[in-house]
C-alpha cells in the first residue's frame, strides 16, 4: 500500500508574525469567555492557501515542482493583522480568527496560481472564495449556547491592536499528522519567493 501524506500548502509566520498573533490571542484570553476556547499554539498558526488531503508520497516531488512554477514571478509581499471574527458567524461561533489586510490581492493571485497548478495534477479546485485569515482558536464542544453568545460578544467588542506586519517570503508544503492532542504540523518543503526565479528548499527533518 502506498505511503500517504496528509498535506496542505500554507504561508508560515515569521517570528514577528507569531508575536503579533500571540498578542491578539492574549487580548481575547483576558476576557471571561476565553476559557470556553481551545487556543491554537502560535507556532501552529498559518495562512492556508490550499488543503490537499491525503497525497501519495511518490507524487510529492512532482507536486513540489509544480508549485515552484506557480510561485514564479511573485516577489515577497506584506500582510497585516486586521479585525477578529468567527466562523460561521459571531452568533454561533465555532472558529475564532483574525483577518488579514495589506497586499491581499497578491495573496489571492498566489492562491489562484497554486489552485490552478494543483488542479492540473488532478486535485479538486477550491470550492470557496479565498478568505485570508489566521485561526486563533476553536470553541470547545461542550460550550453551551450561552457560552457561545458570550464568545461572540467577546469577539465583537475586543479591540485587536496587534498590528504586526507579516512578511511573506515563502510558501510551504506542510504535513499534518493527526494526534490525540490535536494535529501536528511539519514543513516538507518551501518555495522561496523571488520575482526572477522561485527556489525550492527541502525542509530539514529531526
Protein backbone atom coordinates (compact mmCIF):
# COMPACT_ATOMS: atom_id res chain seq x y z
CA UNK A 1 0.00 0.00 0.00
CA UNK A 2 1.37 3.42 -1.00
CA UNK A 3 2.51 5.74 1.77
CA UNK A 4 0.04 8.62 2.12
CA UNK A 5 0.82 12.11 3.36
CA UNK A 6 -1.91 14.41 4.64
CA UNK A 7 -0.74 17.65 3.07
CA UNK A 8 -1.63 21.28 2.62
CA UNK A 9 0.02 24.41 1.25
CA UNK A 10 0.42 27.38 3.53
CA UNK A 11 2.24 30.55 4.43
CA UNK A 12 4.05 30.07 7.71
CA UNK A 13 4.51 33.03 10.04
CA UNK A 14 7.88 34.54 10.79
CA UNK A 15 8.86 35.47 14.36
CA UNK A 16 7.24 38.90 14.13
CA UNK A 17 4.04 37.33 12.84
CA UNK A 18 3.95 34.80 15.68
CA UNK A 19 4.39 37.58 18.22
CA UNK A 20 1.56 39.54 16.63
CA UNK A 21 -0.91 36.64 16.71
CA UNK A 22 0.14 35.76 20.26
CA UNK A 23 -0.66 39.35 21.25
CA UNK A 24 -4.06 39.08 19.55
CA UNK A 25 -4.77 35.84 21.41
CA UNK A 26 -3.75 37.39 24.72
CA UNK A 27 -6.19 40.25 24.22
CA UNK A 28 -9.04 37.76 23.77
CA UNK A 29 -7.87 35.38 26.51
CA UNK A 30 -8.18 38.16 29.07
CA UNK A 31 -11.95 38.05 28.59
CA UNK A 32 -14.00 35.70 30.75
CA UNK A 33 -15.43 33.92 27.69
CA UNK A 34 -11.89 33.00 26.63
CA UNK A 35 -12.00 29.96 28.90
CA UNK A 36 -14.50 28.31 26.54
CA UNK A 37 -11.98 28.34 23.68
CA UNK A 38 -9.24 25.84 22.81
CA UNK A 39 -6.48 28.17 21.67
CA UNK A 40 -4.07 27.25 18.88
CA UNK A 41 -0.38 27.42 19.79
CA UNK A 42 1.19 30.42 17.98
CA UNK A 43 3.81 28.13 16.40
CA UNK A 44 0.99 26.21 14.67
CA UNK A 45 -0.83 29.22 13.26
CA UNK A 46 -0.50 29.65 9.49
CA UNK A 47 -2.34 31.01 6.46
CA UNK A 48 -3.70 28.06 4.47
CA UNK A 49 -3.56 28.53 0.70
CA UNK A 50 -4.82 25.08 -0.29
CA UNK A 51 -5.71 21.86 1.53
CA UNK A 52 -4.74 18.77 -0.46
CA UNK A 53 -5.78 15.90 1.79
CA UNK A 54 -4.09 12.52 1.51
CA UNK A 55 -1.40 12.53 -1.17
CA UNK A 56 0.69 9.52 -2.23
CA UNK A 57 4.28 10.12 -1.15
CA UNK A 58 5.51 9.26 -4.65
CA UNK A 59 3.59 12.28 -6.02
CA UNK A 60 5.20 14.84 -3.73
CA UNK A 61 8.22 15.64 -5.93
CA UNK A 62 6.01 16.39 -8.93
CA UNK A 63 3.69 18.48 -6.76
CA UNK A 64 6.57 20.49 -5.32
CA UNK A 65 7.98 21.19 -8.77
CA UNK A 66 4.54 22.33 -9.93
CA UNK A 67 4.39 24.75 -7.01
CA UNK A 68 7.74 26.23 -8.00
CA UNK A 69 6.17 27.08 -11.34
CA UNK A 70 3.06 28.50 -9.68
CA UNK A 71 5.15 30.76 -7.44
CA UNK A 72 7.38 32.03 -10.25
CA UNK A 73 7.12 35.79 -10.71
CA UNK A 74 5.97 36.52 -7.15
CA UNK A 75 8.22 38.69 -5.02
CA UNK A 76 7.91 38.77 -1.21
CA UNK A 77 4.94 40.83 -0.01
CA UNK A 78 3.40 42.11 3.21
CA UNK A 79 0.20 41.41 5.12
CA UNK A 80 -1.11 42.81 8.41
CA UNK A 81 -3.41 41.53 11.12
CA UNK A 82 -6.88 43.08 10.96
CA UNK A 83 -10.09 42.58 12.93
CA UNK A 84 -11.23 39.44 14.73
CA UNK A 85 -14.14 37.32 13.54
CA UNK A 86 -15.69 33.87 13.75
CA UNK A 87 -16.95 31.06 11.55
CA UNK A 88 -19.76 30.62 10.74
CA UNK A 89 -20.56 33.93 12.49
CA UNK A 90 -20.34 35.61 15.90
CA UNK A 91 -23.87 34.47 16.84
CA UNK A 92 -22.83 30.81 16.61
CA UNK A 93 -19.03 30.85 16.74
CA UNK A 94 -17.08 27.64 16.18
CA UNK A 95 -13.76 29.03 14.96
CA UNK A 96 -12.15 32.30 16.08
CA UNK A 97 -9.86 34.05 13.65
CA UNK A 98 -8.16 37.30 12.77
CA UNK A 99 -8.42 38.59 9.25
CA UNK A 100 -5.57 39.97 7.19
CA UNK A 101 -5.14 43.18 5.26
CA UNK A 102 -2.38 44.74 3.20
CA UNK A 103 -1.35 43.21 -0.13
CA UNK A 104 -4.32 40.84 -0.13
CA UNK A 105 -4.70 40.93 -3.90
CA UNK A 106 -1.21 39.45 -4.26
CA UNK A 107 -2.05 36.67 -1.78
CA UNK A 108 -5.27 35.97 -3.71
CA UNK A 109 -3.40 35.73 -7.04
CA UNK A 110 -0.84 33.43 -5.47
CA UNK A 111 -3.57 31.18 -4.07
CA UNK A 112 -5.24 31.06 -7.50
CA UNK A 113 -1.99 30.11 -9.25
CA UNK A 114 -1.44 27.34 -6.72
CA UNK A 115 -5.02 26.10 -7.14
CA UNK A 116 -4.55 26.04 -10.93
CA UNK A 117 -1.28 24.09 -10.66
CA UNK A 118 -2.80 21.54 -8.28
CA UNK A 119 -5.92 21.14 -10.40
CA UNK A 120 -3.75 20.40 -13.45
CA UNK A 121 -2.39 17.45 -11.46
CA UNK A 122 -5.76 16.04 -10.50
CA UNK A 123 -6.55 17.83 -7.25
CA UNK A 124 -10.02 19.28 -6.82
CA UNK A 125 -10.38 23.03 -7.07
CA UNK A 126 -11.20 25.10 -4.01
CA UNK A 127 -14.97 25.45 -3.74
CA UNK A 128 -14.91 28.58 -1.57
CA UNK A 129 -13.61 32.08 -2.29
CA UNK A 130 -10.19 32.87 -0.86
CA UNK A 131 -10.74 34.48 2.56
CA UNK A 132 -7.33 35.03 4.19
CA UNK A 133 -7.40 34.52 7.94
CA UNK A 134 -5.41 33.06 10.80
CA UNK A 135 -7.22 30.65 13.13
CA UNK A 136 -6.62 31.63 16.76
CA UNK A 137 -8.81 29.06 18.46
CA UNK A 138 -11.80 26.74 18.33
CA UNK A 139 -14.78 26.84 20.65
CA UNK A 140 -14.88 23.84 22.95
CA UNK A 141 -17.50 21.26 22.01
CA UNK A 142 -19.14 21.36 25.43
CA UNK A 143 -19.65 25.13 25.31
CA UNK A 144 -23.33 25.93 25.88
CA UNK A 145 -25.37 28.27 23.64
CA UNK A 146 -24.99 30.90 26.36
CA UNK A 147 -21.22 30.39 26.38
CA UNK A 148 -21.13 30.79 22.60
CA UNK A 149 -23.11 34.03 22.79
CA UNK A 150 -20.58 35.32 25.32
CA UNK A 151 -17.74 34.37 22.97
CA UNK A 152 -19.44 36.21 20.12
CA UNK A 153 -19.75 39.35 22.23
CA UNK A 154 -16.10 38.98 23.23
CA UNK A 155 -15.03 38.85 19.58
CA UNK A 156 -17.16 41.83 18.58
CA UNK A 157 -16.04 44.04 21.46
CA UNK A 158 -12.41 43.10 22.00
CA UNK A 159 -10.14 45.57 20.19
CA UNK A 160 -7.38 43.84 18.27
CA UNK A 161 -4.49 46.29 18.30
CA UNK A 162 -1.74 43.80 17.43
CA UNK A 163 -0.90 45.34 14.07
CA UNK A 164 2.15 43.23 13.37
CA UNK A 165 3.30 43.10 9.79
CA UNK A 166 3.61 39.64 8.27
CA UNK A 167 6.37 39.41 5.69
CA UNK A 168 5.53 36.67 3.17
CA UNK A 169 8.77 35.41 1.65
CA UNK A 170 8.00 31.73 1.10
CA UNK A 171 5.24 29.19 0.53
CA UNK A 172 5.42 25.89 2.42
CA UNK A 173 4.23 22.38 1.67
CA UNK A 174 3.07 21.12 5.04
CA UNK A 175 2.28 17.71 6.51
CA UNK A 176 -0.49 17.28 9.06
CA UNK A 177 -0.37 14.28 11.39
CA UNK A 178 -3.45 13.61 13.49
CA UNK A 179 -2.56 13.05 17.14
CA UNK A 180 -4.59 12.67 20.37
CA UNK A 181 -3.70 16.21 21.41
CA UNK A 182 -4.53 17.70 18.02
CA UNK A 183 -2.90 17.93 14.62
CA UNK A 184 0.90 18.21 14.46
CA UNK A 185 2.29 20.19 11.53
CA UNK A 186 5.70 19.93 9.90
CA UNK A 187 7.24 21.53 6.83
CA UNK A 188 8.14 19.20 3.96
CA UNK A 189 9.42 21.80 1.52
CA UNK A 190 9.31 25.53 0.97
CA UNK A 191 9.40 27.71 -2.13
CA UNK A 192 11.30 30.96 -1.69
CA UNK A 193 9.52 33.80 -3.48
CA UNK A 194 11.68 35.65 -5.98
CA UNK A 195 10.39 37.70 -8.89
CA UNK A 196 13.07 36.22 -11.16
CA UNK A 197 13.01 32.57 -10.07
CA UNK A 198 11.26 30.71 -7.24
CA UNK A 199 13.56 28.34 -5.38
CA UNK A 200 12.62 25.01 -3.81
CA UNK A 201 14.09 24.16 -0.41
CA UNK A 202 13.56 20.80 1.28
CA UNK A 203 12.81 21.32 4.96
CA UNK A 204 15.20 19.63 7.41
CA UNK A 205 13.87 16.70 9.43
CA UNK A 206 14.86 15.93 13.01
